Amino acid sequence: MNWRGRPLTSHDVVINSIAATTTRTGLTVQARLDGNSYPTGVKVSNAQMAALPVSRHPFHGDWNYTLHPAAGHTAGPPAGHDREGRPVVALSELTGLAPSDLDQLIAELAALRQAQREQRARSHPASDARHKPRSGRPPVFPFPDRVVATVLHLRLSLPDDTLAYLLGTSRTTIRRALTEIRDLLDQHEYHIEPATAPPGLPARIPPYVTPDDRRREQDQESMLIFCKR
């Protein structure tokens, strides 16, 4: 709001506008220009994302979280174990899919779902009540996690309650996700083979991070660095 209607003609204008931000409770902001160069197109693997020291907040943890500094020279847990020394099973072992294959499956199912929505929109007049904005809370169980939950259900025969606990959601949400994704898998003619010897289950499964999410978080981190500096 500080730069609303003000032409951003220079870096000084941007920095001074950011630094002028305040609130009734006394917020103060320091801002300076970051003149460093940062490479684009950096790829971050699922393993690197999972290893980040992130503490997600109770309210919308996918948006609100604290990224802690690296541990430095502090000795971390052995490879393949969490901070308590318990063995950690990689998501690829649970799903039976390599990260790139899972990314591709999620993207293809999302595209199929979008195509279906567009087809329904073309089949009904704009005045149809089904196309009007709906009130209430938006869905908090992201589409990639719905795919992961369904793959785990089909491959490991995990019940609704177990999936709800592992993915931090409700049994009702899991049931709706399974119905939606199984229907998309059938239309996509994609079959999930059951595991003959399921791997050991982890204590918790973190939210799945898509390539778009990784790029968005990188952009947000770059903006935070810019604002802090």
Protein backbone atom coordinates (compact mmCIF):
# COMPACT_ATOMS: atom_id res chain seq x y z
CA MET A 1 0.00 0.00 0.00
CA ASN A 2 2.94 2.33 0.54
CA TRP A 3 3.75 2.40 -3.17
CA ARG A 4 0.16 2.30 -4.43
CA GLY A 5 -0.11 4.70 -7.35
CA ARG A 6 3.57 5.62 -7.16
CA PRO A 7 5.71 4.92 -10.24
CA LEU A 8 8.59 2.63 -9.27
CA THR A 9 11.17 4.58 -11.21
CA SER A 10 14.26 3.47 -9.29
CA HIS A 11 15.56 1.03 -6.70
CA ASP A 12 15.63 3.87 -4.16
CA VAL A 13 11.90 4.43 -4.57
CA VAL A 14 11.24 0.72 -4.00
CA ILE A 15 13.53 0.48 -0.96
CA ASN A 16 12.19 3.64 0.66
CA SER A 17 8.62 2.50 0.11
CA ILE A 18 9.33 -0.86 1.75
CA ALA A 19 11.17 0.79 4.65
CA ALA A 20 8.24 3.15 5.27
CA THR A 21 5.92 0.24 6.09
CA THR A 22 4.43 0.38 9.58
CA THR A 23 1.39 -0.79 11.53
CA ARG A 24 -0.69 0.42 14.46
CA THR A 25 1.16 -2.03 16.69
CA GLY A 26 4.54 -0.45 15.93
CA LEU A 27 6.05 -2.58 13.18
CA THR A 28 9.30 -1.18 11.78
CA VAL A 29 11.03 -2.36 8.61
CA GLN A 30 14.61 -2.12 7.41
CA ALA A 31 15.33 -2.50 3.69
CA ARG A 32 18.40 -2.24 1.50
CA LEU A 33 19.32 -3.21 -2.04
CA ASP A 34 20.79 -6.66 -2.63
CA GLY A 35 23.17 -6.26 -5.53
CA ASN A 36 24.26 -9.89 -5.67
CA SER A 37 23.59 -12.12 -8.67
CA TYR A 38 21.54 -15.30 -8.24
CA PRO A 39 21.44 -18.10 -10.85
CA THR A 40 18.11 -19.08 -12.38
CA GLY A 41 16.86 -22.53 -13.23
CA VAL A 42 18.33 -24.17 -10.12
CA LYS A 43 16.84 -27.63 -9.59
CA VAL A 44 15.99 -28.82 -6.09
CA SER A 45 15.33 -32.50 -5.54
CA ASN A 46 12.59 -33.95 -3.33
CA ALA A 47 15.29 -35.26 -0.98
CA GLN A 48 16.75 -31.76 -0.58
CA MET A 49 13.33 -30.29 0.12
CA ALA A 50 12.56 -33.01 2.66
CA ALA A 51 15.87 -32.32 4.43
CA LEU A 52 15.12 -28.62 4.97
CA PRO A 53 14.71 -27.72 8.70
CA VAL A 54 11.16 -26.44 8.29
CA SER A 55 8.62 -26.10 11.11
CA ARG A 56 5.12 -25.69 9.67
CA HIS A 57 2.64 -23.56 11.62
CA PRO A 58 -0.69 -25.04 12.78
CA PHE A 59 -2.67 -22.61 10.57
CA HIS A 60 -2.10 -23.32 6.85
CA GLY A 61 1.31 -24.88 7.29
CA ASP A 62 1.75 -24.99 3.51
CA TRP A 63 1.84 -21.16 3.53
CA ASN A 64 3.01 -20.30 7.05
CA TYR A 65 6.24 -21.90 8.21
CA THR A 66 9.60 -21.16 9.77
CA LEU A 67 12.76 -22.13 7.87
CA HIS A 68 15.49 -22.60 10.46
CA PRO A 69 19.20 -21.99 9.80
CA ALA A 70 21.34 -24.95 8.81
CA ALA A 71 22.85 -26.87 11.69
CA GLY A 72 26.40 -25.85 10.64
CA HIS A 73 29.02 -28.15 12.05
CA THR A 74 26.59 -29.90 14.36
CA ALA A 75 26.57 -33.60 13.64
CA GLY A 76 23.23 -34.61 12.19
CA PRO A 77 21.46 -37.94 12.28
CA PRO A 78 22.89 -40.77 10.21
CA ALA A 79 21.75 -41.05 6.61
CA GLY A 80 18.29 -42.58 6.34
CA HIS A 81 17.34 -41.72 9.95
CA ASP A 82 15.39 -38.90 11.59
CA ARG A 83 16.54 -36.75 14.55
CA GLU A 84 15.49 -39.48 17.00
CA GLY A 85 17.53 -42.07 15.15
CA ARG A 86 14.50 -43.86 13.72
CA PRO A 87 14.79 -45.20 10.15
CA VAL A 88 13.17 -43.02 7.50
CA VAL A 89 11.55 -44.54 4.43
CA ALA A 90 11.76 -42.44 1.26
CA LEU A 91 8.47 -41.51 -0.39
CA SER A 92 9.62 -43.20 -3.59
CA GLU A 93 9.91 -46.49 -1.69
CA LEU A 94 6.35 -46.13 -0.41
CA THR A 95 4.79 -45.15 -3.73
CA GLY A 96 6.99 -47.36 -5.91
CA LEU A 97 7.50 -44.36 -8.22
CA ALA A 98 10.63 -42.33 -8.88
CA PRO A 99 10.22 -38.60 -8.04
CA SER A 100 10.14 -37.66 -11.74
CA ASP A 101 7.49 -40.31 -12.46
CA LEU A 102 5.35 -39.13 -9.56
CA ASP A 103 5.69 -35.51 -10.72
CA GLN A 104 4.58 -36.56 -14.20
CA LEU A 105 1.61 -38.56 -12.90
CA ILE A 106 0.42 -35.64 -10.76
CA ALA A 107 0.75 -33.24 -13.70
CA GLU A 108 -1.15 -35.55 -16.06
CA LEU A 109 -3.99 -36.15 -13.60
CA ALA A 110 -4.22 -32.42 -12.85
CA ALA A 111 -4.45 -31.68 -16.58
CA LEU A 112 -7.17 -34.33 -16.98
CA ARG A 113 -9.15 -32.84 -14.08
CA GLN A 114 -8.86 -29.34 -15.56
CA ALA A 115 -10.00 -30.58 -18.97
CA GLN A 116 -13.05 -32.17 -17.35
CA ARG A 117 -13.91 -28.95 -15.54
CA GLU A 118 -13.64 -26.95 -18.75
CA GLN A 119 -15.84 -29.49 -20.55
CA ARG A 120 -18.50 -29.23 -17.82
CA ALA A 121 -18.34 -25.44 -18.01
CA ARG A 122 -18.95 -25.57 -21.78
CA SER A 123 -21.84 -28.00 -21.31
CA HIS A 124 -23.79 -25.76 -18.91
CA PRO A 125 -24.90 -22.13 -19.21
CA ALA A 126 -23.00 -19.49 -17.24
CA SER A 127 -26.13 -18.91 -15.13
CA ASP A 128 -25.94 -22.48 -13.83
CA ALA A 129 -25.63 -22.45 -10.04
CA ARG A 130 -22.76 -24.91 -10.25
CA HIS A 131 -20.54 -22.18 -11.78
CA LYS A 132 -21.23 -19.55 -9.11
CA PRO A 133 -18.57 -18.85 -6.44
CA ARG A 134 -19.02 -21.00 -3.37
CA SER A 135 -18.73 -19.77 0.17
CA GLY A 136 -16.81 -21.48 2.94
CA ARG A 137 -13.20 -22.46 3.48
CA PRO A 138 -11.09 -23.42 0.45
CA PRO A 139 -9.75 -27.01 0.29
CA VAL A 140 -6.68 -27.43 2.50
CA PHE A 141 -5.63 -30.85 1.20
CA PRO A 142 -3.59 -30.08 -1.95
CA PHE A 143 -4.12 -32.06 -5.14
CA PRO A 144 -0.57 -33.57 -5.13
CA ASP A 145 -1.18 -34.98 -1.64
CA ARG A 146 -4.48 -36.47 -2.83
CA VAL A 147 -2.59 -38.32 -5.54
CA VAL A 148 0.05 -39.50 -3.05
CA ALA A 149 -2.66 -40.70 -0.64
CA THR A 150 -4.41 -42.66 -3.38
CA VAL A 151 -1.17 -44.25 -4.61
CA LEU A 152 -0.35 -45.32 -1.06
CA HIS A 153 -3.87 -46.67 -0.59
CA LEU A 154 -3.76 -48.73 -3.78
CA ARG A 155 -0.16 -49.91 -3.40
CA LEU A 156 -0.02 -50.59 0.35
CA SER A 157 -3.74 -51.13 1.11
CA LEU A 158 -3.56 -48.45 3.81
CA PRO A 159 -6.94 -47.75 5.46
CA ASP A 160 -8.54 -44.30 5.59
CA ASP A 161 -7.66 -43.71 9.24
CA THR A 162 -3.98 -44.50 8.70
CA LEU A 163 -3.73 -42.21 5.67
CA ALA A 164 -5.52 -39.43 7.52
CA TYR A 165 -3.03 -39.68 10.38
CA LEU A 166 0.06 -39.87 8.16
CA LEU A 167 -1.01 -36.96 5.96
CA GLY A 168 -2.40 -34.79 8.74
CA THR A 169 -6.00 -34.55 7.55
CA SER A 170 -9.42 -36.05 8.26
CA ARG A 171 -10.84 -39.41 7.28
CA THR A 172 -13.64 -37.69 5.35
CA THR A 173 -11.11 -35.70 3.33
CA ILE A 174 -9.16 -38.87 2.56
CA ARG A 175 -12.28 -40.68 1.39
CA ARG A 176 -13.20 -37.84 -0.96
CA ALA A 177 -9.63 -37.72 -2.28
CA LEU A 178 -9.57 -41.47 -2.94
CA THR A 179 -12.86 -41.29 -4.85
CA GLU A 180 -11.68 -38.39 -7.00
CA ILE A 181 -8.19 -39.68 -7.78
CA ARG A 182 -9.21 -43.29 -8.40
CA ASP A 183 -11.71 -42.05 -10.97
CA LEU A 184 -8.99 -39.97 -12.66
CA LEU A 185 -6.59 -42.93 -12.63
CA ASP A 186 -9.22 -45.13 -14.30
CA GLN A 187 -9.84 -42.54 -17.00
CA HIS A 188 -6.10 -42.11 -17.48
CA GLU A 189 -5.79 -45.92 -17.66
CA TYR A 190 -3.02 -45.85 -15.09
CA HIS A 191 -2.76 -48.90 -12.85
CA ILE A 192 -1.04 -48.94 -9.43
CA GLU A 193 0.48 -52.35 -8.73
CA PRO A 194 0.06 -53.54 -5.11
CA ALA A 195 3.33 -54.06 -3.24
CA THR A 196 4.08 -57.66 -2.37
CA ALA A 197 6.29 -56.61 0.56
CA PRO A 198 5.32 -53.11 1.82
CA PRO A 199 8.21 -51.11 3.32
CA GLY A 200 8.13 -49.88 6.92
CA LEU A 201 5.95 -46.82 7.40
CA PRO A 202 7.34 -43.46 8.64
CA ALA A 203 5.93 -41.56 11.60
CA ARG A 204 4.63 -38.80 9.32
CA ILE A 205 4.51 -38.01 5.59
CA PRO A 206 5.34 -34.37 4.73
CA PRO A 207 3.27 -32.44 2.17
CA TYR A 208 4.31 -33.25 -1.39
CA VAL A 209 6.19 -30.46 -3.17
CA THR A 210 5.60 -30.10 -6.91
CA PRO A 211 8.12 -28.44 -9.28
CA ASP A 212 5.88 -25.35 -9.42
CA ASP A 213 5.81 -25.20 -5.61
CA ARG A 214 9.61 -25.41 -5.50
CA ARG A 215 9.98 -22.56 -7.98
CA ARG A 216 7.38 -20.51 -6.06
CA GLU A 217 9.19 -21.04 -2.76
CA GLN A 218 12.49 -20.05 -4.39
CA ASP A 219 10.87 -16.85 -5.64
CA GLN A 220 9.44 -16.15 -2.18
CA GLU A 221 12.81 -16.75 -0.53
CA SER A 222 14.48 -14.41 -3.02
CA MET A 223 11.88 -11.73 -2.24
CA LEU A 224 12.41 -12.22 1.52
CA ILE A 225 16.15 -11.82 1.06
CA PHE A 226 15.56 -8.68 -1.00
CA CYS A 227 13.21 -7.22 1.64
CA LYS A 228 15.50 -8.06 4.55
CA ARG A 229 18.54 -6.63 2.86
